Amino acid sequence: MTRPIPRSRREPTIALINIVFLMLIFFMAAATLAPPLDGDLRLVHTADLEGRAPPDALVIHADGHLTYRGATLADAAAYVRAAYPTGGETVQAVRIVPDAELPAQDLIRIGEALRRAGATRVVMITERGLE
């Protein structure tokens, strides 16, 4: 008489997948990512206000020219030299304020030029919207 070959028991993965899926649906329905705003709340309309960049930020206009504290600069390296005149300082974070109409290729090109000039990090300052 031959012995039957023992079969390996398969794990009940379908049941586990179903439980995880049901938990996912439950938490998506029960939790919120951010509390909703009050229904009667009206947000401030700031379209007519004049925006001002931080004084130490590099402003990049729509046509690609650079300004720092109101003065026009030739390139990104000129900004690093003007903002950090001693030259021995480590440039930790450079803040830039790009125009909304600036093409993305120009923004990337200027960011790379800032990195080559010695900036370890480039931080872009943007307008935050809730709509």
Protein backbone atom coordinates (compact mmCIF):
# COMPACT_ATOMS: atom_id res chain seq x y z
CA MET A 1 0.00 0.00 0.00
CA THR A 2 1.33 3.43 -0.88
CA ARG A 3 1.15 6.38 1.39
CA PRO A 4 -0.82 9.36 0.14
CA ILE A 5 1.33 12.36 -0.71
CA PRO A 6 0.72 15.10 1.84
CA ARG A 7 -0.63 18.22 0.25
CA SER A 8 0.50 21.58 1.46
CA ARG A 9 -2.33 23.69 2.75
CA ARG A 10 -2.75 26.94 0.90
CA GLU A 11 -3.13 30.12 2.85
CA PRO A 12 -6.55 31.70 2.69
CA THR A 13 -5.30 34.83 0.90
CA ILE A 14 -8.65 35.68 -0.66
CA ALA A 15 -10.19 36.08 2.79
CA LEU A 16 -7.29 38.27 3.90
CA ILE A 17 -7.60 40.46 0.79
CA ASN A 18 -11.33 40.85 1.40
CA ILE A 19 -10.77 41.92 5.01
CA VAL A 20 -8.10 44.46 4.05
CA PHE A 21 -10.34 45.85 1.30
CA LEU A 22 -13.29 46.22 3.69
CA MET A 23 -11.05 47.96 6.24
CA LEU A 24 -9.83 50.34 3.54
CA ILE A 25 -13.39 51.26 2.57
CA PHE A 26 -14.37 51.71 6.22
CA PHE A 27 -11.48 54.07 6.99
CA MET A 28 -12.03 56.04 3.79
CA ALA A 29 -15.69 56.56 4.71
CA ALA A 30 -15.16 57.21 8.43
CA ALA A 31 -12.12 59.49 8.32
CA THR A 32 -11.55 62.83 6.67
CA LEU A 33 -8.21 64.15 5.50
CA ALA A 34 -8.97 67.71 6.53
CA PRO A 35 -11.88 69.10 8.50
CA PRO A 36 -14.35 70.87 6.22
CA LEU A 37 -14.66 74.65 6.32
CA ASP A 38 -17.74 76.15 7.90
CA GLY A 39 -20.54 76.59 5.40
CA ASP A 40 -21.08 80.28 6.21
CA LEU A 41 -17.38 81.15 6.01
CA ARG A 42 -16.33 83.55 3.25
CA LEU A 43 -12.64 83.64 2.34
CA VAL A 44 -10.79 86.91 1.83
CA HIS A 45 -10.49 87.94 -1.81
CA THR A 46 -6.89 89.02 -2.43
CA ALA A 47 -6.82 89.47 -6.20
CA ASP A 48 -6.45 93.26 -5.91
CA LEU A 49 -3.66 93.22 -3.32
CA GLU A 50 -0.10 93.81 -4.38
CA GLY A 51 2.07 90.83 -3.53
CA ARG A 52 5.53 91.41 -2.14
CA ALA A 53 8.38 88.98 -2.23
CA PRO A 54 10.55 88.43 0.86
CA PRO A 55 13.47 90.88 0.76
CA ASP A 56 16.13 88.19 0.38
CA ALA A 57 14.35 86.25 -2.38
CA LEU A 58 15.30 86.11 -6.04
CA VAL A 59 12.38 87.29 -8.18
CA ILE A 60 12.09 85.67 -11.62
CA HIS A 61 9.84 87.58 -14.02
CA ALA A 62 7.73 86.07 -16.82
CA ASP A 63 10.27 87.04 -19.48
CA GLY A 64 13.07 85.35 -17.50
CA HIS A 65 14.93 88.38 -16.15
CA LEU A 66 16.04 88.24 -12.52
CA THR A 67 15.73 90.90 -9.83
CA TYR A 68 17.01 91.04 -6.26
CA ARG A 69 15.86 93.83 -3.95
CA GLY A 70 14.71 95.83 -6.98
CA ALA A 71 17.99 95.56 -8.92
CA THR A 72 18.19 93.61 -12.17
CA LEU A 73 20.77 90.81 -12.19
CA ALA A 74 22.61 89.26 -15.12
CA ASP A 75 22.33 85.64 -14.00
CA ALA A 76 21.73 83.32 -11.04
CA ALA A 77 25.38 83.41 -9.98
CA ALA A 78 25.10 87.20 -9.60
CA TYR A 79 22.27 86.64 -7.13
CA VAL A 80 24.36 84.25 -5.03
CA ARG A 81 27.24 86.76 -5.03
CA ALA A 82 24.88 89.63 -4.04
CA ALA A 83 22.97 87.71 -1.37
CA TYR A 84 26.08 86.09 0.13
CA PRO A 85 28.88 88.64 -0.42
CA THR A 86 31.50 87.03 1.85
CA GLY A 87 31.77 83.96 -0.36
CA GLY A 88 32.81 81.80 2.58
CA GLU A 89 29.26 81.21 3.74
CA THR A 90 27.51 78.02 2.85
CA VAL A 91 24.39 78.88 0.91
CA GLN A 92 21.82 76.70 2.65
CA ALA A 93 18.47 77.63 1.10
CA VAL A 94 17.88 80.05 -1.74
CA ARG A 95 14.34 81.38 -1.98
CA ILE A 96 12.95 82.20 -5.40
CA VAL A 97 9.66 83.86 -6.36
CA PRO A 98 8.80 82.96 -9.96
CA ASP A 99 6.12 84.67 -12.00
CA ALA A 100 3.13 82.45 -12.78
CA GLU A 101 3.69 82.99 -16.52
CA LEU A 102 7.34 81.86 -16.41
CA PRO A 103 7.86 78.77 -18.61
CA ALA A 104 8.82 75.64 -16.69
CA GLN A 105 12.00 75.13 -18.75
CA ASP A 106 13.25 78.57 -17.68
CA LEU A 107 12.44 77.84 -14.04
CA ILE A 108 14.36 74.56 -14.15
CA ARG A 109 17.29 76.20 -15.94
CA ILE A 110 17.53 78.95 -13.31
CA GLY A 111 17.21 76.41 -10.48
CA GLU A 112 20.08 74.38 -11.91
CA ALA A 113 22.17 77.56 -12.31
CA LEU A 114 21.57 78.39 -8.63
CA ARG A 115 22.71 74.90 -7.64
CA ARG A 116 25.87 75.28 -9.73
CA ALA A 117 26.49 78.66 -8.07
CA GLY A 118 26.56 77.00 -4.64
CA ALA A 119 22.97 76.75 -3.38
CA THR A 120 22.39 73.47 -1.57
CA ARG A 121 18.61 73.87 -1.67
CA VAL A 122 16.27 75.97 -3.82
CA VAL A 123 12.90 76.84 -2.25
CA MET A 124 10.12 78.21 -4.43
CA ILE A 125 7.67 80.61 -2.80
CA THR A 126 4.16 80.34 -4.22
CA GLU A 127 0.68 81.60 -3.54
CA ARG A 128 -1.51 79.19 -1.67
CA GLY A 129 -5.12 78.78 -2.74
CA LEU A 130 -8.09 77.08 -1.10
CA GLU A 131 -10.43 76.86 -4.08
